[in-house]
């Protein structure tokens, strides 16, 4: 399909963008920035088409290349920095019993953060160089699909209330901001010797990727809201075109494709991050119970003893000056770090959960089928065919 036909289909849809005022253009620019952040860009050399998210006039090829390269570089840099931070953490704290909570909580938390980066990077590459399949989870991050979805949030279309999305945007920005504030406060309270290069790397990378993870959840939240709206539109279309089975079946097929693509990415990812968060919270409460409630119990020995001073460490790159005396027995440090760890896992749990409104979006398809069945309750043959 050529560029003009793609634009015609996009602009003729009930969810198309209609540039008309400054407010709508500002919203559109914010949505395009959100798409760029998650790698939803085009590369003219691979597809030969102009992105539907741009204005109607042709953009210069170098601008499209710059958009693609800048998005790709940002994802690669964040992924690389996160991987280095993870490997360095493994190198420094693997087998260090005195840092058991730090190590386990980090390993439950960091892969969940990195999962958003890896998904976006994989989708960006696969959408540009991979084979085009009718139904695939990478289509959620395709330019054509995202442009149509994001256009439903512009003010003039009126298909989806913007205040609701704005309120959730505040939530998705507030949660990582609280996490960043706690992390910075904890970092400042550490001794000067504790503020080494690895700690700076962990601090910067964690804050950056936490915001990216939050925006990734918001991106999926917008997709889910759009899918719910599409369910209403499809059911109304079927109700208004009773007897036109070909048109109704085509509408149902289109809706099911969008539902299936989004569910294919949401369900496995939700299971992964919720499992990590649940396990991390279990370790957190168990560790605190053993440390606070049973400090003299033998069950706490494997978790808190056997500290090795920094000058005895064989790993020169890691400075173990945050020893047990400061880490566990100074009230400010102990409380702050517990808040950081707790908020980490709560953030990883609640943001994806609200993005899907549950642990699965199957309810969208179930509600749609029930509505169609009630609609054709007196016509079993029609209901069955649809």
Protein backbone atom coordinates (compact mmCIF):
# COMPACT_ATOMS: atom_id res chain seq x y z
CA UNK A 1 0.00 0.00 0.00
CA UNK A 2 1.49 3.37 -0.98
CA UNK A 3 1.91 6.41 1.22
CA UNK A 4 -1.13 8.34 -0.03
CA UNK A 5 -3.48 5.42 0.55
CA UNK A 6 -2.12 4.88 4.06
CA UNK A 7 -2.70 8.53 4.90
CA UNK A 8 -6.18 8.44 3.41
CA UNK A 9 -7.15 5.44 5.54
CA UNK A 10 -5.65 7.03 8.63
CA UNK A 11 -7.31 10.40 8.13
CA UNK A 12 -10.68 8.89 7.20
CA UNK A 13 -10.91 6.82 10.39
CA UNK A 14 -13.02 8.09 13.31
CA UNK A 15 -9.83 8.36 15.33
CA UNK A 16 -7.84 10.45 12.87
CA UNK A 17 -5.81 13.53 13.77
CA UNK A 18 -7.18 16.89 12.69
CA UNK A 19 -4.68 19.70 13.16
CA UNK A 20 -6.62 22.80 13.97
CA UNK A 21 -5.41 24.67 17.06
CA UNK A 22 -2.43 25.13 19.31
CA UNK A 23 -3.74 22.94 22.10
CA UNK A 24 -4.24 19.98 19.81
CA UNK A 25 -0.83 20.46 18.24
CA UNK A 26 0.80 20.51 21.69
CA UNK A 27 -0.95 17.28 22.67
CA UNK A 28 0.04 15.75 19.35
CA UNK A 29 3.68 16.74 19.88
CA UNK A 30 3.67 15.18 23.35
CA UNK A 31 2.24 11.96 21.95
CA UNK A 32 4.83 11.93 19.18
CA UNK A 33 7.55 12.40 21.79
CA UNK A 34 6.13 9.45 23.72
CA UNK A 35 6.19 7.37 20.53
CA UNK A 36 9.77 8.42 19.77
CA UNK A 37 10.85 7.51 23.30
CA UNK A 38 9.65 3.95 22.75
CA UNK A 39 11.21 3.55 19.33
CA UNK A 40 8.06 4.11 17.28
CA UNK A 41 9.83 5.73 14.32
CA UNK A 42 10.28 5.04 10.65
CA UNK A 43 13.35 4.55 8.46
CA UNK A 44 12.71 5.49 4.80
CA UNK A 45 15.45 3.29 3.38
CA UNK A 46 13.78 0.14 4.73
CA UNK A 47 10.09 0.79 4.05
CA UNK A 48 10.00 3.64 1.58
CA UNK A 49 7.04 5.26 3.34
CA UNK A 50 6.62 8.44 5.31
CA UNK A 51 5.53 8.02 8.91
CA UNK A 52 1.84 8.66 9.48
CA UNK A 53 2.63 10.44 12.71
CA UNK A 54 4.24 13.33 10.85
CA UNK A 55 2.37 16.21 9.24
CA UNK A 56 0.89 15.79 5.78
CA UNK A 57 3.71 17.60 4.00
CA UNK A 58 6.74 15.52 3.14
CA UNK A 59 9.63 15.57 5.55
CA UNK A 60 13.20 15.57 4.40
CA UNK A 61 14.85 12.20 4.42
CA UNK A 62 17.62 13.36 6.73
CA UNK A 63 15.05 14.34 9.37
CA UNK A 64 13.56 10.86 9.26
CA UNK A 65 17.00 9.32 9.51
CA UNK A 66 17.80 11.60 12.44
CA UNK A 67 14.56 10.61 14.18
CA UNK A 68 15.29 6.92 13.75
CA UNK A 69 18.97 7.14 14.72
CA UNK A 70 18.34 9.35 17.77
CA UNK A 71 15.66 6.98 19.07
CA UNK A 72 17.84 3.95 18.43
CA UNK A 73 20.87 5.53 20.11
CA UNK A 74 18.88 6.56 23.19
CA UNK A 75 17.55 3.01 23.63
CA UNK A 76 20.97 1.44 23.05
CA UNK A 77 22.71 3.82 25.48
CA UNK A 78 20.15 3.22 28.23
CA UNK A 79 20.25 -0.54 27.68
CA UNK A 80 24.05 -0.61 27.67
CA UNK A 81 24.33 1.53 30.82
CA UNK A 82 21.75 -0.64 32.57
CA UNK A 83 23.56 -3.83 31.57
CA UNK A 84 26.89 -2.48 32.81
CA UNK A 85 25.29 -1.46 36.11
CA UNK A 86 23.73 -4.91 36.50
CA UNK A 87 26.98 -6.74 35.72
CA UNK A 88 28.93 -4.48 38.07
CA UNK A 89 26.42 -5.13 40.82
CA UNK A 90 26.74 -8.87 40.26
CA UNK A 91 30.51 -8.57 40.38
CA UNK A 92 30.53 -6.52 43.57
CA UNK A 93 27.82 -8.15 45.65
CA UNK A 94 27.45 -11.73 44.46
CA UNK A 95 28.17 -13.98 47.45
CA UNK A 96 28.43 -11.06 49.89
CA UNK A 97 26.15 -12.23 52.69
CA UNK A 98 26.32 -8.91 54.51
CA UNK A 99 24.66 -7.25 51.50
CA UNK A 100 22.04 -9.94 51.02
CA UNK A 101 19.07 -7.54 50.92
CA UNK A 102 20.79 -5.17 48.51
CA UNK A 103 21.77 -7.97 46.15
CA UNK A 104 18.50 -9.92 46.05
CA UNK A 105 16.25 -6.86 45.87
CA UNK A 106 18.36 -5.44 43.07
CA UNK A 107 18.20 -8.68 41.08
CA UNK A 108 14.43 -8.79 41.46
CA UNK A 109 14.06 -5.14 40.51
CA UNK A 110 16.61 -4.44 37.80
CA UNK A 111 15.55 -7.09 35.21
CA UNK A 112 12.00 -5.74 35.41
CA UNK A 113 13.23 -2.23 34.65
CA UNK A 114 15.39 -3.46 31.79
CA UNK A 115 12.54 -5.48 30.29
CA UNK A 116 10.89 -2.29 29.02
CA UNK A 117 14.09 -1.20 27.29
CA UNK A 118 14.69 -4.60 25.73
CA UNK A 119 11.10 -4.84 24.44
CA UNK A 120 11.25 -1.40 22.81
CA UNK A 121 14.68 -2.01 21.30
CA UNK A 122 13.67 -5.40 19.92
CA UNK A 123 10.43 -3.98 18.49
CA UNK A 124 12.26 -1.07 16.87
CA UNK A 125 14.74 -3.34 15.12
CA UNK A 126 12.17 -5.95 14.15
CA UNK A 127 9.74 -3.38 12.75
CA UNK A 128 12.49 -2.02 10.50
CA UNK A 129 14.24 -5.15 9.28
CA UNK A 130 11.93 -8.03 10.18
CA UNK A 131 9.29 -9.74 8.08
CA UNK A 132 5.83 -8.19 8.07
CA UNK A 133 3.33 -10.49 9.72
CA UNK A 134 -0.38 -9.78 10.04
CA UNK A 135 -0.48 -10.41 13.80
CA UNK A 136 2.56 -9.87 15.98
CA UNK A 137 3.28 -8.13 19.27
CA UNK A 138 5.77 -5.82 17.53
CA UNK A 139 2.83 -4.23 15.69
CA UNK A 140 1.96 -2.53 18.96
CA UNK A 141 5.10 -0.43 18.37
CA UNK A 142 4.60 0.09 14.63
CA UNK A 143 4.22 3.62 13.28
CA UNK A 144 0.90 3.08 11.53
CA UNK A 145 -0.72 1.37 14.51
CA UNK A 146 0.56 3.86 17.09
CA UNK A 147 -0.33 6.90 14.99
CA UNK A 148 -3.93 5.74 14.76
CA UNK A 149 -4.10 4.88 18.45
CA UNK A 150 -2.45 8.04 19.73
CA UNK A 151 -4.65 10.20 17.51
CA UNK A 152 -7.65 9.14 19.58
CA UNK A 153 -6.28 11.18 22.49
CA UNK A 154 -6.16 14.53 20.68
CA UNK A 155 -8.71 17.13 21.88
CA UNK A 156 -10.83 17.54 18.72
CA UNK A 157 -11.55 13.89 18.12
CA UNK A 158 -13.36 13.53 21.44
CA UNK A 159 -13.20 9.75 21.35
CA UNK A 160 -11.32 9.40 24.63
CA UNK A 161 -11.50 11.94 27.51
CA UNK A 162 -8.16 13.70 27.81
CA UNK A 163 -8.49 14.65 31.53
CA UNK A 164 -8.52 10.98 32.53
CA UNK A 165 -5.32 10.33 30.58
CA UNK A 166 -3.73 13.47 32.02
CA UNK A 167 -4.52 12.35 35.57
CA UNK A 168 -2.87 9.00 34.97
CA UNK A 169 0.11 10.74 33.37
CA UNK A 170 0.59 12.65 36.63
CA UNK A 171 0.47 9.34 38.51
CA UNK A 172 2.99 7.73 36.17
CA UNK A 173 5.34 10.68 36.66
CA UNK A 174 4.78 11.01 40.40
CA UNK A 175 5.69 7.41 41.27
CA UNK A 176 9.23 7.45 39.74
CA UNK A 177 9.74 10.97 41.10
CA UNK A 178 9.12 9.74 44.65
CA UNK A 179 11.47 6.83 43.98
CA UNK A 180 14.16 9.21 42.68
CA UNK A 181 13.78 11.48 45.71
CA UNK A 182 14.17 8.53 48.10
CA UNK A 183 17.15 7.22 46.16
CA UNK A 184 18.88 10.60 46.14
CA UNK A 185 18.20 11.15 49.83
CA UNK A 186 19.65 7.75 50.68
CA UNK A 187 22.69 8.42 48.51
CA UNK A 188 23.35 11.77 50.21
CA UNK A 189 23.17 10.25 53.71
CA UNK A 190 25.92 7.73 52.91
CA UNK A 191 29.47 8.30 54.07
CA UNK A 192 31.74 10.02 51.57
CA UNK A 193 33.65 6.78 51.01
CA UNK A 194 30.41 5.11 49.95
CA UNK A 195 29.79 7.61 47.17
CA UNK A 196 32.09 5.92 44.67
CA UNK A 197 31.91 5.57 40.88
CA UNK A 198 29.78 2.39 40.88
CA UNK A 199 27.28 4.06 43.21
CA UNK A 200 27.06 7.06 40.87
CA UNK A 201 26.49 4.75 37.90
CA UNK A 202 23.77 2.83 39.74
CA UNK A 203 22.14 6.08 40.86
CA UNK A 204 22.02 7.72 37.41
CA UNK A 205 21.04 4.59 35.51
CA UNK A 206 18.37 3.60 38.03
CA UNK A 207 16.67 6.99 37.98
CA UNK A 208 16.78 7.21 34.17
CA UNK A 209 15.47 3.70 33.58
CA UNK A 210 12.80 4.09 36.27
CA UNK A 211 11.32 7.04 34.38
CA UNK A 212 11.54 5.09 31.12
CA UNK A 213 9.79 2.11 32.73
CA UNK A 214 7.03 4.38 33.99
CA UNK A 215 6.51 5.92 30.54
CA UNK A 216 6.49 2.44 29.02
CA UNK A 217 3.66 1.50 31.38
CA UNK A 218 1.83 4.69 30.44
CA UNK A 219 2.28 3.86 26.76
CA UNK A 220 0.66 0.46 27.34
CA UNK A 221 -2.05 2.12 29.43
CA UNK A 222 -2.98 4.35 26.48
CA UNK A 223 -3.11 1.28 24.25
CA UNK A 224 -5.43 -0.46 26.69
CA UNK A 225 -7.73 2.57 26.98
CA UNK A 226 -7.88 2.79 23.20
CA UNK A 227 -8.70 -0.92 22.97
CA UNK A 228 -11.63 -0.48 25.36
CA UNK A 229 -12.87 2.39 23.23
CA UNK A 230 -12.47 0.29 20.08
CA UNK A 231 -14.63 -2.38 21.70
CA UNK A 232 -17.44 0.15 22.15
CA UNK A 233 -17.07 1.41 18.57
CA UNK A 234 -17.09 -2.12 17.15
CA UNK A 235 -20.19 -3.15 19.11
CA UNK A 236 -22.06 0.00 18.02
CA UNK A 237 -21.06 -0.63 14.41
CA UNK A 238 -22.42 -4.17 14.59
CA UNK A 239 -25.64 -2.92 16.16
CA UNK A 240 -26.13 -0.35 13.39
CA UNK A 241 -25.31 -2.78 10.56
CA UNK A 242 -27.44 -5.77 11.47
CA UNK A 243 -27.50 -8.26 8.63
CA UNK A 244 -24.36 -6.94 6.90
CA UNK A 245 -22.26 -9.90 7.94
CA UNK A 246 -19.21 -9.18 5.80
CA UNK A 247 -18.80 -5.69 7.23
CA UNK A 248 -19.46 -6.89 10.78
CA UNK A 249 -17.00 -9.76 10.49
CA UNK A 250 -14.38 -7.39 9.09
CA UNK A 251 -14.89 -5.05 12.06
CA UNK A 252 -14.64 -7.90 14.55
CA UNK A 253 -11.49 -9.21 12.84
CA UNK A 254 -9.81 -5.81 13.01
CA UNK A 255 -10.70 -5.40 16.68
CA UNK A 256 -9.54 -8.92 17.55
CA UNK A 257 -6.21 -8.31 15.81
CA UNK A 258 -5.54 -5.24 17.95
CA UNK A 259 -6.63 -7.07 21.10
CA UNK A 260 -4.50 -10.14 20.33
CA UNK A 261 -1.39 -8.08 19.55
CA UNK A 262 -1.62 -6.08 22.77
CA UNK A 263 -2.38 -9.17 24.87
CA UNK A 264 0.62 -11.00 23.40
CA UNK A 265 2.96 -8.39 24.82
CA UNK A 266 1.09 -7.58 28.04
CA UNK A 267 0.47 -11.03 29.53
CA UNK A 268 4.04 -12.46 29.44
CA UNK A 269 5.52 -9.15 30.51
CA UNK A 270 3.04 -8.72 33.38
CA UNK A 271 3.74 -12.23 34.65
CA UNK A 272 7.46 -11.50 34.60
CA UNK A 273 7.41 -8.17 36.42
CA UNK A 274 4.72 -9.15 38.95
CA UNK A 275 6.64 -12.32 39.83
CA UNK A 276 9.85 -10.33 40.34
CA UNK A 277 8.06 -7.73 42.43
CA UNK A 278 6.29 -10.32 44.58
CA UNK A 279 9.48 -12.26 45.20
CA UNK A 280 11.35 -9.05 45.99
CA UNK A 281 8.71 -7.99 48.52
CA UNK A 282 8.83 -11.45 50.11
CA UNK A 283 12.59 -11.16 50.56
CA UNK A 284 12.22 -7.62 51.87
CA UNK A 285 9.71 -8.48 54.61
CA UNK A 286 11.51 -11.71 55.52
CA UNK A 287 14.83 -9.92 55.86
CA UNK A 288 13.34 -7.14 58.00
CA UNK A 289 11.54 -9.67 60.19
CA UNK A 290 14.79 -11.54 60.82
CA UNK A 291 16.76 -8.35 61.38
CA UNK A 292 14.28 -6.45 63.57
CA UNK A 293 12.05 -9.02 65.25
CA UNK A 294 14.60 -11.84 65.57
CA UNK A 295 17.97 -10.08 65.75
CA UNK A 296 19.49 -12.75 68.01
CA UNK A 297 17.89 -15.72 66.28
CA UNK A 298 20.05 -18.18 64.42
CA UNK A 299 17.80 -17.73 61.39
CA UNK A 300 19.24 -14.25 60.87
CA UNK A 301 22.88 -15.39 60.83
CA UNK A 302 23.03 -16.41 57.14
CA UNK A 303 21.65 -13.00 56.20
CA UNK A 304 23.64 -10.50 58.27
CA UNK A 305 26.90 -12.01 59.46
CA UNK A 306 30.27 -12.69 57.85
CA UNK A 307 31.02 -9.11 56.85
CA UNK A 308 34.37 -8.62 55.12
CA UNK A 309 35.94 -5.14 55.59
CA UNK A 310 36.75 -3.14 52.48
CA UNK A 311 40.54 -3.38 52.89
CA UNK A 312 40.25 -7.20 52.88
CA UNK A 313 38.28 -7.28 49.64
CA UNK A 314 39.94 -8.86 46.64
CA UNK A 315 37.81 -6.83 44.24
CA UNK A 316 39.41 -3.44 43.90
CA UNK A 317 36.65 -1.94 41.76
CA UNK A 318 34.14 -2.38 44.59
CA UNK A 319 34.44 -0.28 47.73
CA UNK A 320 32.81 -1.99 50.71
CA UNK A 321 32.82 1.01 53.00
CA UNK A 322 29.03 0.82 53.47
CA UNK A 323 29.61 -1.76 56.16
CA UNK A 324 27.22 -3.41 58.52
CA UNK A 325 27.79 -0.86 61.27
CA UNK A 326 26.46 1.98 59.12
CA UNK A 327 24.16 0.04 56.85
CA UNK A 328 22.17 -1.70 59.57
CA UNK A 329 22.63 0.21 62.81
CA UNK A 330 22.34 3.86 61.81
CA UNK A 331 18.63 4.58 61.96
CA UNK A 332 18.53 7.11 59.13
CA UNK A 333 20.40 4.88 56.68
CA UNK A 334 18.47 1.77 57.68
CA UNK A 335 15.03 3.41 57.37
CA UNK A 336 15.84 5.23 54.14
CA UNK A 337 17.19 2.15 52.42
CA UNK A 338 14.17 0.14 53.51
CA UNK A 339 11.92 2.82 52.02
CA UNK A 340 13.92 2.75 48.77
CA UNK A 341 13.66 -1.04 48.46
CA UNK A 342 9.97 -1.09 49.40
CA UNK A 343 9.09 1.66 46.94
CA UNK A 344 11.06 -0.07 44.18
CA UNK A 345 8.97 -3.20 44.32
CA UNK A 346 5.70 -1.35 44.87
CA UNK A 347 6.45 0.76 41.79
CA UNK A 348 7.23 -2.33 39.69
CA UNK A 349 3.94 -3.89 40.82
CA UNK A 350 1.40 -1.07 40.62
CA UNK A 351 2.44 0.66 37.39
CA UNK A 352 2.08 -2.41 35.13
CA UNK A 353 -1.05 -3.48 37.00
CA UNK A 354 -2.80 -0.18 36.30
CA UNK A 355 -1.55 -0.27 32.71
CA UNK A 356 -3.53 -3.48 32.13
CA UNK A 357 -6.24 -2.78 34.72
CA UNK A 358 -5.61 -6.35 35.94
CA UNK A 359 -3.19 -9.19 35.30
CA UNK A 360 -4.75 -9.77 31.89
CA UNK A 361 -6.82 -7.80 29.38
CA UNK A 362 -8.94 -10.80 28.44
CA UNK A 363 -11.91 -9.04 30.02
CA UNK A 364 -12.02 -6.66 27.03
CA UNK A 365 -12.64 -9.50 24.57
CA UNK A 366 -15.02 -11.29 26.97
CA UNK A 367 -17.13 -8.16 27.48
CA UNK A 368 -17.24 -7.56 23.74
CA UNK A 369 -18.45 -11.10 23.02
CA UNK A 370 -21.11 -10.88 25.72
CA UNK A 371 -22.37 -7.58 24.35
CA UNK A 372 -22.66 -9.03 20.84
CA UNK A 373 -24.48 -12.10 22.16
CA UNK A 374 -26.99 -9.95 24.05
CA UNK A 375 -27.39 -7.82 20.96
CA UNK A 376 -28.31 -10.89 18.89
CA UNK A 377 -30.04 -12.80 21.67
CA UNK A 378 -33.07 -13.41 19.46
CA UNK A 379 -31.04 -14.40 16.41
CA UNK A 380 -28.84 -17.35 17.26
CA UNK A 381 -27.71 -17.84 13.68
CA UNK A 382 -26.50 -14.25 13.34
CA UNK A 383 -24.76 -14.32 16.72
CA UNK A 384 -23.01 -17.58 15.92
CA UNK A 385 -21.76 -16.40 12.53
CA UNK A 386 -20.28 -13.21 13.97
